[in-house]
Amino acid sequence: MTLEDVIFLESPNHSGEYLIIAVKGTVLDFRYSRVEYVDQFSPLAESYLMYCMDSLTDQTVVIHSAMTCGIPSERVSWTSPAGTKYRIHFSADGVGNPMEWHFTMD
């Protein structure tokens, strides 16, 4: 891997956590966004799109993030070449350990 294979993104509210996403193959419509809680009956809603890339192939994305405790405030989403959509919401567990909060596939 070279630096040309690494993409660095930064949340405006970063607080010291880093997410590393290794893309093997190709993904389409890669999005890094802020999300917000609406109510208990609604999914987390995208409130602000921070970065969007049409496609990524065999690259590593390093995100300087702001992982909140409890309800996630950021999301990474993408579409496979076959058209399947994926979303991962990130947060921390409240004692300083990052965790994958929620993964969905449409």
PDB file of N, CA and C in Angstrom:
ATOM      1  N   MET A   1       0.841  -1.176   0.000  1.00  0.00           N
ATOM      2  CA  MET A   1       0.000   0.000   0.000  1.00  0.00           C
ATOM      3  C   MET A   1       0.890   1.245   0.000  1.00  0.00           C
ATOM      4  N   THR A   2       0.502   2.227  -0.774  1.00  0.00           N
ATOM      5  CA  THR A   2       1.215   3.501  -0.818  1.00  0.00           C
ATOM      6  C   THR A   2       0.273   4.599  -0.339  1.00  0.00           C
ATOM      7  N   LEU A   3       0.799   5.786  -0.154  1.00  0.00           N
ATOM      8  CA  LEU A   3      -0.050   6.901   0.274  1.00  0.00           C
ATOM      9  C   LEU A   3      -1.113   7.237  -0.762  1.00  0.00           C
ATOM     10  N   GLU A   4      -0.876   6.912  -2.027  1.00  0.00           N
ATOM     11  CA  GLU A   4      -1.878   7.155  -3.061  1.00  0.00           C
ATOM     12  C   GLU A   4      -3.103   6.258  -2.858  1.00  0.00           C
ATOM     13  N   ASP A   5      -2.921   5.150  -2.121  1.00  0.00           N
ATOM     14  CA  ASP A   5      -4.021   4.222  -1.868  1.00  0.00           C
ATOM     15  C   ASP A   5      -4.818   4.576  -0.617  1.00  0.00           C
ATOM     16  N   VAL A   6      -4.400   5.629   0.101  1.00  0.00           N
ATOM     17  CA  VAL A   6      -5.036   6.006   1.364  1.00  0.00           C
ATOM     18  C   VAL A   6      -5.741   7.348   1.198  1.00  0.00           C
ATOM     19  N   ILE A   7      -6.997   7.403   1.645  1.00  0.00           N
ATOM     20  CA  ILE A   7      -7.782   8.637   1.617  1.00  0.00           C
ATOM     21  C   ILE A   7      -8.029   9.050   3.056  1.00  0.00           C
ATOM     22  N   PHE A   8      -7.691  10.289   3.409  1.00  0.00           N
ATOM     23  CA  PHE A   8      -7.885  10.788   4.765  1.00  0.00           C
ATOM     24  C   PHE A   8      -9.089  11.730   4.782  1.00  0.00           C
ATOM     25  N   LEU A   9     -10.057  11.445   5.664  1.00  0.00           N
ATOM     26  CA  LEU A   9     -11.240  12.286   5.833  1.00  0.00           C
ATOM     27  C   LEU A   9     -11.297  12.743   7.284  1.00  0.00           C
ATOM     28  N   GLU A  10     -11.926  13.888   7.524  1.00  0.00           N
ATOM     29  CA  GLU A  10     -11.994  14.390   8.888  1.00  0.00           C
ATOM     30  C   GLU A  10     -13.379  14.942   9.189  1.00  0.00           C
ATOM     31  N   SER A  11     -13.926  14.525  10.320  1.00  0.00           N
ATOM     32  CA  SER A  11     -15.186  15.075  10.795  1.00  0.00           C
ATOM     33  C   SER A  11     -14.930  16.480  11.327  1.00  0.00           C
ATOM     34  N   PRO A  12     -15.851  17.431  11.089  1.00  0.00           N
ATOM     35  CA  PRO A  12     -15.667  18.779  11.642  1.00  0.00           C
ATOM     36  C   PRO A  12     -15.602  18.762  13.173  1.00  0.00           C
ATOM     37  N   ASN A  13     -16.193  17.753  13.791  1.00  0.00           N
ATOM     38  CA  ASN A  13     -16.244  17.661  15.257  1.00  0.00           C
ATOM     39  C   ASN A  13     -15.320  16.587  15.793  1.00  0.00           C
ATOM     40  N   HIS A  14     -14.249  16.261  15.069  1.00  0.00           N
ATOM     41  CA  HIS A  14     -13.399  15.135  15.460  1.00  0.00           C
ATOM     42  C   HIS A  14     -12.914  15.283  16.896  1.00  0.00           C
ATOM     43  N   SER A  15     -12.760  14.123  17.549  1.00  0.00           N
ATOM     44  CA  SER A  15     -12.361  14.140  18.958  1.00  0.00           C
ATOM     45  C   SER A  15     -11.257  13.143  19.269  1.00  0.00           C
ATOM     46  N   GLY A  16     -10.577  12.637  18.263  1.00  0.00           N
ATOM     47  CA  GLY A  16      -9.440  11.780  18.531  1.00  0.00           C
ATOM     48  C   GLY A  16      -9.585  10.340  18.113  1.00  0.00           C
ATOM     49  N   GLU A  17     -10.769   9.895  17.747  1.00  0.00           N
ATOM     50  CA  GLU A  17     -10.942   8.519  17.293  1.00  0.00           C
ATOM     51  C   GLU A  17     -10.692   8.442  15.790  1.00  0.00           C
ATOM     52  N   TYR A  18     -10.204   7.278  15.369  1.00  0.00           N
ATOM     53  CA  TYR A  18      -9.965   7.042  13.951  1.00  0.00           C
ATOM     54  C   TYR A  18     -10.682   5.770  13.519  1.00  0.00           C
ATOM     55  N   LEU A  19     -11.309   5.813  12.362  1.00  0.00           N
ATOM     56  CA  LEU A  19     -11.905   4.641  11.736  1.00  0.00           C
ATOM     57  C   LEU A  19     -11.058   4.315  10.522  1.00  0.00           C
ATOM     58  N   ILE A  20     -10.752   3.044  10.344  1.00  0.00           N
ATOM     59  CA  ILE A  20      -9.993   2.620   9.173  1.00  0.00           C
ATOM     60  C   ILE A  20     -10.848   1.629   8.399  1.00  0.00           C
ATOM     61  N   ILE A  21     -11.130   1.954   7.158  1.00  0.00           N
ATOM     62  CA  ILE A  21     -11.978   1.125   6.306  1.00  0.00           C
ATOM     63  C   ILE A  21     -11.149   0.690   5.109  1.00  0.00           C
ATOM     64  N   ALA A  22     -10.933  -0.607   4.992  1.00  0.00           N
ATOM     65  CA  ALA A  22     -10.161  -1.154   3.874  1.00  0.00           C
ATOM     66  C   ALA A  22     -11.132  -1.613   2.793  1.00  0.00           C
ATOM     67  N   VAL A  23     -11.085  -0.982   1.654  1.00  0.00           N
ATOM     68  CA  VAL A  23     -11.948  -1.334   0.536  1.00  0.00           C
ATOM     69  C   VAL A  23     -11.192  -2.321  -0.348  1.00  0.00           C
ATOM     70  N   LYS A  24     -11.703  -3.518  -0.436  1.00  0.00           N
ATOM     71  CA  LYS A  24     -11.130  -4.541  -1.314  1.00  0.00           C
ATOM     72  C   LYS A  24     -12.082  -4.705  -2.489  1.00  0.00           C
ATOM     73  N   GLY A  25     -11.629  -4.460  -3.681  1.00  0.00           N
ATOM     74  CA  GLY A  25     -12.518  -4.451  -4.833  1.00  0.00           C
ATOM     75  C   GLY A  25     -13.051  -3.043  -5.031  1.00  0.00           C
ATOM     76  N   THR A  26     -14.277  -2.943  -5.520  1.00  0.00           N
ATOM     77  CA  THR A  26     -14.879  -1.642  -5.820  1.00  0.00           C
ATOM     78  C   THR A  26     -16.173  -1.436  -5.052  1.00  0.00           C
ATOM     79  N   VAL A  27     -16.354  -0.231  -4.528  1.00  0.00           N
ATOM     80  CA  VAL A  27     -17.621   0.189  -3.952  1.00  0.00           C
ATOM     81  C   VAL A  27     -18.037   1.472  -4.655  1.00  0.00           C
ATOM     82  N   LEU A  28     -19.327   1.719  -4.709  1.00  0.00           N
ATOM     83  CA  LEU A  28     -19.880   2.897  -5.378  1.00  0.00           C
ATOM     84  C   LEU A  28     -20.579   3.793  -4.372  1.00  0.00           C
ATOM     85  N   ASP A  29     -20.722   5.061  -4.686  1.00  0.00           N
ATOM     86  CA  ASP A  29     -21.445   6.039  -3.872  1.00  0.00           C
ATOM     87  C   ASP A  29     -21.039   5.943  -2.402  1.00  0.00           C
ATOM     88  N   PHE A  30     -19.758   6.069  -2.131  1.00  0.00           N
ATOM     89  CA  PHE A  30     -19.252   6.043  -0.756  1.00  0.00           C
ATOM     90  C   PHE A  30     -19.580   7.367  -0.100  1.00  0.00           C
ATOM     91  N   ARG A  31     -20.273   7.330   1.047  1.00  0.00           N
ATOM     92  CA  ARG A  31     -20.717   8.543   1.731  1.00  0.00           C
ATOM     93  C   ARG A  31     -20.322   8.491   3.201  1.00  0.00           C
ATOM     94  N   TYR A  32     -19.843   9.610   3.703  1.00  0.00           N
ATOM     95  CA  TYR A  32     -19.551   9.778   5.127  1.00  0.00           C
ATOM     96  C   TYR A  32     -20.388  10.950   5.589  1.00  0.00           C
ATOM     97  N   SER A  33     -21.311  10.724   6.525  1.00  0.00           N
ATOM     98  CA  SER A  33     -22.264  11.764   6.880  1.00  0.00           C
ATOM     99  C   SER A  33     -22.566  11.790   8.373  1.00  0.00           C
ATOM    100  N   ARG A  34     -23.082  12.917   8.806  1.00  0.00           N
ATOM    101  CA  ARG A  34     -23.614  13.053  10.170  1.00  0.00           C
ATOM    102  C   ARG A  34     -25.049  12.561  10.127  1.00  0.00           C
ATOM    103  N   VAL A  35     -25.473  11.960  11.220  1.00  0.00           N
ATOM    104  CA  VAL A  35     -26.854  11.497  11.325  1.00  0.00           C
ATOM    105  C   VAL A  35     -27.443  12.014  12.626  1.00  0.00           C
ATOM    106  N   GLU A  36     -28.770  12.029  12.675  1.00  0.00           N
ATOM    107  CA  GLU A  36     -29.427  12.480  13.903  1.00  0.00           C
ATOM    108  C   GLU A  36     -30.605  11.580  14.231  1.00  0.00           C
ATOM    109  N   TYR A  37     -30.878  11.496  15.512  1.00  0.00           N
ATOM    110  CA  TYR A  37     -31.995  10.726  16.032  1.00  0.00           C
ATOM    111  C   TYR A  37     -33.266  11.541  15.841  1.00  0.00           C
ATOM    112  N   VAL A  38     -34.291  10.942  15.233  1.00  0.00           N
ATOM    113  CA  VAL A  38     -35.560  11.631  15.022  1.00  0.00           C
ATOM    114  C   VAL A  38     -36.545  11.217  16.111  1.00  0.00           C
ATOM    115  N   ASP A  39     -36.864   9.941  16.167  1.00  0.00           N
ATOM    116  CA  ASP A  39     -37.704   9.389  17.220  1.00  0.00           C
ATOM    117  C   ASP A  39     -37.516   7.877  17.233  1.00  0.00           C
ATOM    118  N   GLN A  40     -38.146   7.213  18.200  1.00  0.00           N
ATOM    119  CA  GLN A  40     -37.928   5.776  18.360  1.00  0.00           C
ATOM    120  C   GLN A  40     -38.495   4.937  17.219  1.00  0.00           C
ATOM    121  N   PHE A  41     -39.315   5.529  16.372  1.00  0.00           N
ATOM    122  CA  PHE A  41     -39.944   4.793  15.282  1.00  0.00           C
ATOM    123  C   PHE A  41     -39.282   5.042  13.924  1.00  0.00           C
ATOM    124  N   SER A  42     -38.281   5.905  13.896  1.00  0.00           N
ATOM    125  CA  SER A  42     -37.634   6.271  12.635  1.00  0.00           C
ATOM    126  C   SER A  42     -36.170   5.847  12.653  1.00  0.00           C
ATOM    127  N   PRO A  43     -35.633   5.500  11.492  1.00  0.00           N
ATOM    128  CA  PRO A  43     -34.190   5.234  11.440  1.00  0.00           C
ATOM    129  C   PRO A  43     -33.414   6.539  11.602  1.00  0.00           C
ATOM    130  N   LEU A  44     -32.138   6.438  11.906  1.00  0.00           N
ATOM    131  CA  LEU A  44     -31.311   7.634  11.990  1.00  0.00           C
ATOM    132  C   LEU A  44     -31.320   8.332  10.637  1.00  0.00           C
ATOM    133  N   ALA A  45     -31.508   9.642  10.655  1.00  0.00           N
ATOM    134  CA  ALA A  45     -31.629  10.415   9.417  1.00  0.00           C
ATOM    135  C   ALA A  45     -30.328  11.146   9.110  1.00  0.00           C
ATOM    136  N   GLU A  46     -29.929  11.147   7.843  1.00  0.00           N
ATOM    137  CA  GLU A  46     -28.745  11.893   7.433  1.00  0.00           C
ATOM    138  C   GLU A  46     -29.025  13.384   7.576  1.00  0.00           C
ATOM    139  N   SER A  47     -28.181  14.067   8.356  1.00  0.00           N
ATOM    140  CA  SER A  47     -28.391  15.502   8.562  1.00  0.00           C
ATOM    141  C   SER A  47     -27.372  16.361   7.817  1.00  0.00           C
ATOM    142  N   TYR A  48     -26.199  15.777   7.491  1.00  0.00           N
ATOM    143  CA  TYR A  48     -25.165  16.562   6.826  1.00  0.00           C
ATOM    144  C   TYR A  48     -24.213  15.606   6.115  1.00  0.00           C
ATOM    145  N   LEU A  49     -24.048  15.779   4.828  1.00  0.00           N
ATOM    146  CA  LEU A  49     -23.124  14.959   4.055  1.00  0.00           C
ATOM    147  C   LEU A  49     -21.745  15.616   4.112  1.00  0.00           C
ATOM    148  N   MET A  50     -20.775  14.904   4.731  1.00  0.00           N
ATOM    149  CA  MET A  50     -19.436  15.467   4.873  1.00  0.00           C
ATOM    150  C   MET A  50     -18.552  15.157   3.671  1.00  0.00           C
ATOM    151  N   TYR A  51     -18.619  13.922   3.153  1.00  0.00           N
ATOM    152  CA  TYR A  51     -17.814  13.516   2.006  1.00  0.00           C
ATOM    153  C   TYR A  51     -18.605  12.531   1.162  1.00  0.00           C
ATOM    154  N   CYS A  52     -18.421  12.601  -0.147  1.00  0.00           N
ATOM    155  CA  CYS A  52     -19.053  11.656  -1.059  1.00  0.00           C
ATOM    156  C   CYS A  52     -18.074  11.378  -2.205  1.00  0.00           C
ATOM    157  N   MET A  53     -17.895  10.099  -2.514  1.00  0.00           N
ATOM    158  CA  MET A  53     -17.026   9.708  -3.621  1.00  0.00           C
ATOM    159  C   MET A  53     -17.802   8.767  -4.528  1.00  0.00           C
ATOM    160  N   ASP A  54     -17.738   8.972  -5.822  1.00  0.00           N
ATOM    161  CA  ASP A  54     -18.477   8.149  -6.779  1.00  0.00           C
ATOM    162  C   ASP A  54     -18.079   6.685  -6.702  1.00  0.00           C
ATOM    163  N   SER A  55     -16.765   6.414  -6.566  1.00  0.00           N
ATOM    164  CA  SER A  55     -16.312   5.027  -6.461  1.00  0.00           C
ATOM    165  C   SER A  55     -14.948   4.974  -5.796  1.00  0.00           C
ATOM    166  N   LEU A  56     -14.677   3.839  -5.164  1.00  0.00           N
ATOM    167  CA  LEU A  56     -13.382   3.554  -4.561  1.00  0.00           C
ATOM    168  C   LEU A  56     -12.989   2.151  -4.989  1.00  0.00           C
ATOM    169  N   THR A  57     -11.728   1.942  -5.307  1.00  0.00           N
ATOM    170  CA  THR A  57     -11.248   0.617  -5.684  1.00  0.00           C
ATOM    171  C   THR A  57      -9.925   0.350  -4.978  1.00  0.00           C
ATOM    172  N   ASP A  58      -9.898  -0.716  -4.186  1.00  0.00           N
ATOM    173  CA  ASP A  58      -8.681  -1.160  -3.496  1.00  0.00           C
ATOM    174  C   ASP A  58      -7.968  -0.021  -2.784  1.00  0.00           C
ATOM    175  N   GLN A  59      -8.714   0.720  -1.977  1.00  0.00           N
ATOM    176  CA  GLN A  59      -8.148   1.838  -1.237  1.00  0.00           C
ATOM    177  C   GLN A  59      -8.486   1.699   0.244  1.00  0.00           C
ATOM    178  N   THR A  60      -7.759   2.417   1.066  1.00  0.00           N
ATOM    179  CA  THR A  60      -8.030   2.474   2.496  1.00  0.00           C
ATOM    180  C   THR A  60      -8.497   3.875   2.831  1.00  0.00           C
ATOM    181  N   VAL A  61      -9.591   3.968   3.588  1.00  0.00           N
ATOM    182  CA  VAL A  61     -10.135   5.250   4.022  1.00  0.00           C
ATOM    183  C   VAL A  61      -9.869   5.376   5.520  1.00  0.00           C
ATOM    184  N   VAL A  62      -9.187   6.446   5.918  1.00  0.00           N
ATOM    185  CA  VAL A  62      -8.918   6.729   7.326  1.00  0.00           C
ATOM    186  C   VAL A  62      -9.754   7.950   7.690  1.00  0.00           C
ATOM    187  N   ILE A  63     -10.632   7.792   8.679  1.00  0.00           N
ATOM    188  CA  ILE A  63     -11.537   8.871   9.079  1.00  0.00           C
ATOM    189  C   ILE A  63     -11.182   9.313  10.489  1.00  0.00           C
ATOM    190  N   HIS A  64     -10.854  10.602  10.647  1.00  0.00           N
ATOM    191  CA  HIS A  64     -10.668  11.202  11.969  1.00  0.00           C
ATOM    192  C   HIS A  64     -12.067  11.578  12.439  1.00  0.00           C
ATOM    193  N   SER A  65     -12.576  10.812  13.388  1.00  0.00           N
ATOM    194  CA  SER A  65     -14.000  10.829  13.696  1.00  0.00           C
ATOM    195  C   SER A  65     -14.326  11.493  15.029  1.00  0.00           C
ATOM    196  N   ALA A  66     -15.610  11.567  15.288  1.00  0.00           N
ATOM    197  CA  ALA A  66     -16.143  12.030  16.568  1.00  0.00           C
ATOM    198  C   ALA A  66     -17.138  10.987  17.051  1.00  0.00           C
ATOM    199  N   MET A  67     -16.635   9.881  17.582  1.00  0.00           N
ATOM    200  CA  MET A  67     -17.531   8.818  18.038  1.00  0.00           C
ATOM    201  C   MET A  67     -18.193   9.226  19.345  1.00  0.00           C
ATOM    202  N   THR A  68     -19.479   9.391  19.304  1.00  0.00           N
ATOM    203  CA  THR A  68     -20.225   9.735  20.508  1.00  0.00           C
ATOM    204  C   THR A  68     -20.555   8.473  21.289  1.00  0.00           C
ATOM    205  N   CYS A  69     -20.866   8.634  22.539  1.00  0.00           N
ATOM    206  CA  CYS A  69     -21.298   7.501  23.358  1.00  0.00           C
ATOM    207  C   CYS A  69     -22.797   7.320  23.161  1.00  0.00           C
ATOM    208  N   GLY A  70     -23.223   6.076  23.001  1.00  0.00           N
ATOM    209  CA  GLY A  70     -24.653   5.792  22.861  1.00  0.00           C
ATOM    210  C   GLY A  70     -25.125   5.924  21.439  1.00  0.00           C
ATOM    211  N   ILE A  71     -26.073   6.829  21.203  1.00  0.00           N
ATOM    212  CA  ILE A  71     -26.680   6.978  19.884  1.00  0.00           C
ATOM    213  C   ILE A  71     -25.632   7.489  18.895  1.00  0.00           C
ATOM    214  N   PRO A  72     -25.439   6.803  17.771  1.00  0.00           N
ATOM    215  CA  PRO A  72     -24.437   7.233  16.792  1.00  0.00           C
ATOM    216  C   PRO A  72     -24.751   8.602  16.197  1.00  0.00           C
ATOM    217  N   SER A  73     -23.689   9.307  15.820  1.00  0.00           N
ATOM    218  CA  SER A  73     -23.872  10.603  15.169  1.00  0.00           C
ATOM    219  C   SER A  73     -23.231  10.635  13.786  1.00  0.00           C
ATOM    220  N   GLU A  74     -22.572   9.530  13.384  1.00  0.00           N
ATOM    221  CA  GLU A  74     -21.952   9.483  12.065  1.00  0.00           C
ATOM    222  C   GLU A  74     -22.230   8.149  11.383  1.00  0.00           C
ATOM    223  N   ARG A  75     -22.194   8.193  10.054  1.00  0.00           N
ATOM    224  CA  ARG A  75     -22.501   6.997   9.273  1.00  0.00           C
ATOM    225  C   ARG A  75     -21.611   6.948   8.038  1.00  0.00           C
ATOM    226  N   VAL A  76     -21.245   5.720   7.675  1.00  0.00           N
ATOM    227  CA  VAL A  76     -20.584   5.455   6.403  1.00  0.00           C
ATOM    228  C   VAL A  76     -21.526   4.566   5.615  1.00  0.00           C
ATOM    229  N   SER A  77     -21.754   4.906   4.352  1.00  0.00           N
ATOM    230  CA  SER A  77     -22.631   4.077   3.520  1.00  0.00           C
ATOM    231  C   SER A  77     -22.009   3.937   2.136  1.00  0.00           C
ATOM    232  N   TRP A  78     -22.392   2.875   1.444  1.00  0.00           N
ATOM    233  CA  TRP A  78     -21.887   2.612   0.098  1.00  0.00           C
ATOM    234  C   TRP A  78     -22.819   1.650  -0.607  1.00  0.00           C
ATOM    235  N   THR A  79     -22.610   1.497  -1.900  1.00  0.00           N
ATOM    236  CA  THR A  79     -23.376   0.564  -2.727  1.00  0.00           C
ATOM    237  C   THR A  79     -22.404  -0.378  -3.405  1.00  0.00           C
ATOM    238  N   SER A  80     -22.741  -1.659  -3.425  1.00  0.00           N
ATOM    239  CA  SER A  80     -21.898  -2.628  -4.128  1.00  0.00           C
ATOM    240  C   SER A  80     -22.137  -2.486  -5.632  1.00  0.00           C
ATOM    241  N   PRO A  81     -21.223  -2.997  -6.454  1.00  0.00           N
ATOM    242  CA  PRO A  81     -21.453  -2.960  -7.907  1.00  0.00           C
ATOM    243  C   PRO A  81     -22.735  -3.696  -8.312  1.00  0.00           C
ATOM    244  N   ALA A  82     -23.202  -4.653  -7.484  1.00  0.00           N
ATOM    245  CA  ALA A  82     -24.432  -5.380  -7.778  1.00  0.00           C
ATOM    246  C   ALA A  82     -25.685  -4.599  -7.358  1.00  0.00           C
ATOM    247  N   GLY A  83     -25.494  -3.435  -6.686  1.00  0.00           N
ATOM    248  CA  GLY A  83     -26.635  -2.600  -6.305  1.00  0.00           C
ATOM    249  C   GLY A  83     -27.086  -2.742  -4.861  1.00  0.00           C
ATOM    250  N   THR A  84     -26.433  -3.587  -4.054  1.00  0.00           N
ATOM    251  CA  THR A  84     -26.793  -3.730  -2.643  1.00  0.00           C
ATOM    252  C   THR A  84     -26.259  -2.530  -1.873  1.00  0.00           C
ATOM    253  N   LYS A  85     -27.107  -1.950  -0.999  1.00  0.00           N
ATOM    254  CA  LYS A  85     -26.719  -0.774  -0.218  1.00  0.00           C
ATOM    255  C   LYS A  85     -26.364  -1.200   1.198  1.00  0.00           C
ATOM    256  N   TYR A  86     -25.294  -0.606   1.727  1.00  0.00           N
ATOM    257  CA  TYR A  86     -24.813  -0.908   3.075  1.00  0.00           C
ATOM    258  C   TYR A  86     -24.690   0.383   3.870  1.00  0.00           C
ATOM    259  N   ARG A  87     -24.926   0.280   5.192  1.00  0.00           N
ATOM    260  CA  ARG A  87     -24.751   1.418   6.098  1.00  0.00           C
ATOM    261  C   ARG A  87     -24.153   0.914   7.401  1.00  0.00           C
ATOM    262  N   ILE A  88     -23.190   1.665   7.930  1.00  0.00           N
ATOM    263  CA  ILE A  88     -22.655   1.377   9.253  1.00  0.00           C
ATOM    264  C   ILE A  88     -22.719   2.674  10.051  1.00  0.00           C
ATOM    265  N   HIS A  89     -23.357   2.600  11.228  1.00  0.00           N
ATOM    266  CA  HIS A  89     -23.402   3.728  12.156  1.00  0.00           C
ATOM    267  C   HIS A  89     -22.379   3.462  13.249  1.00  0.00           C
ATOM    268  N   PHE A  90     -21.603   4.485  13.612  1.00  0.00           N
ATOM    269  CA  PHE A  90     -20.545   4.317  14.589  1.00  0.00           C
ATOM    270  C   PHE A  90     -20.806   5.114  15.850  1.00  0.00           C
ATOM    271  N   SER A  91     -20.415   4.526  16.989  1.00  0.00           N
ATOM    272  CA  SER A  91     -20.443   5.217  18.270  1.00  0.00           C
ATOM    273  C   SER A  91     -19.453   4.514  19.188  1.00  0.00           C
ATOM    274  N   ALA A  92     -19.376   4.951  20.444  1.00  0.00           N
ATOM    275  CA  ALA A  92     -18.526   4.313  21.441  1.00  0.00           C
ATOM    276  C   ALA A  92     -19.435   3.707  22.516  1.00  0.00           C
ATOM    277  N   ASP A  93     -18.863   2.836  23.337  1.00  0.00           N
ATOM    278  CA  ASP A  93     -19.686   2.132  24.327  1.00  0.00           C
ATOM    279  C   ASP A  93     -19.810   2.861  25.659  1.00  0.00           C
ATOM    280  N   GLY A  94     -19.268   4.052  25.787  1.00  0.00           N
ATOM    281  CA  GLY A  94     -19.404   4.819  27.019  1.00  0.00           C
ATOM    282  C   GLY A  94     -18.211   4.713  27.952  1.00  0.00           C
ATOM    283  N   VAL A  95     -17.327   3.757  27.700  1.00  0.00           N
ATOM    284  CA  VAL A  95     -16.123   3.639  28.532  1.00  0.00           C
ATOM    285  C   VAL A  95     -14.862   3.740  27.677  1.00  0.00           C
ATOM    286  N   GLY A  96     -14.991   4.371  26.515  1.00  0.00           N
ATOM    287  CA  GLY A  96     -13.836   4.622  25.678  1.00  0.00           C
ATOM    288  C   GLY A  96     -13.532   3.585  24.626  1.00  0.00           C
ATOM    289  N   ASN A  97     -14.360   2.560  24.510  1.00  0.00           N
ATOM    290  CA  ASN A  97     -14.121   1.527  23.506  1.00  0.00           C
ATOM    291  C   ASN A  97     -15.003   1.751  22.296  1.00  0.00           C
ATOM    292  N   PRO A  98     -14.398   1.918  21.107  1.00  0.00           N
ATOM    293  CA  PRO A  98     -15.230   2.063  19.908  1.00  0.00           C
ATOM    294  C   PRO A  98     -15.945   0.760  19.601  1.00  0.00           C
ATOM    295  N   MET A  99     -17.118   0.876  19.026  1.00  0.00           N
ATOM    296  CA  MET A  99     -17.854  -0.312  18.639  1.00  0.00           C
ATOM    297  C   MET A  99     -18.649  -0.024  17.387  1.00  0.00           C
ATOM    298  N   GLU A 100     -18.978  -1.045  16.656  1.00  0.00           N
ATOM    299  CA  GLU A 100     -19.858  -0.895  15.503  1.00  0.00           C
ATOM    300  C   GLU A 100     -21.268  -0.927  16.060  1.00  0.00           C
ATOM    301  N   TRP A 101     -21.985   0.170  15.881  1.00  0.00           N
ATOM    302  CA  TRP A 101     -23.293   0.291  16.504  1.00  0.00           C
ATOM    303  C   TRP A 101     -24.358  -0.468  15.728  1.00  0.00           C
ATOM    304  N   HIS A 102     -24.391  -0.293  14.421  1.00  0.00           N
ATOM    305  CA  HIS A 102     -25.500  -0.861  13.660  1.00  0.00           C
ATOM    306  C   HIS A 102     -25.086  -1.025  12.201  1.00  0.00           C
ATOM    307  N   PHE A 103     -25.291  -2.180  11.675  1.00  0.00           N
ATOM    308  CA  PHE A 103     -24.973  -2.471  10.279  1.00  0.00           C
ATOM    309  C   PHE A 103     -26.234  -2.907   9.579  1.00  0.00           C
ATOM    310  N   THR A 104     -26.562  -2.290   8.454  1.00  0.00           N
ATOM    311  CA  THR A 104     -27.756  -2.682   7.700  1.00  0.00           C
ATOM    312  C   THR A 104     -27.404  -2.887   6.244  1.00  0.00           C
ATOM    313  N   MET A 105     -28.160  -3.724   5.598  1.00  0.00           N
ATOM    314  CA  MET A 105     -27.968  -4.022   4.189  1.00  0.00           C
ATOM    315  C   MET A 105     -29.339  -4.008   3.535  1.00  0.00           C
ATOM    316  N   ASP A 106     -29.508  -3.218   2.475  1.00  0.00           N
ATOM    317  CA  ASP A 106     -30.794  -3.149   1.783  1.00  0.00           C
ATOM    318  C   ASP A 106     -30.785  -4.087   0.590  1.00  0.00           C
TER     319      ASP A 106
END
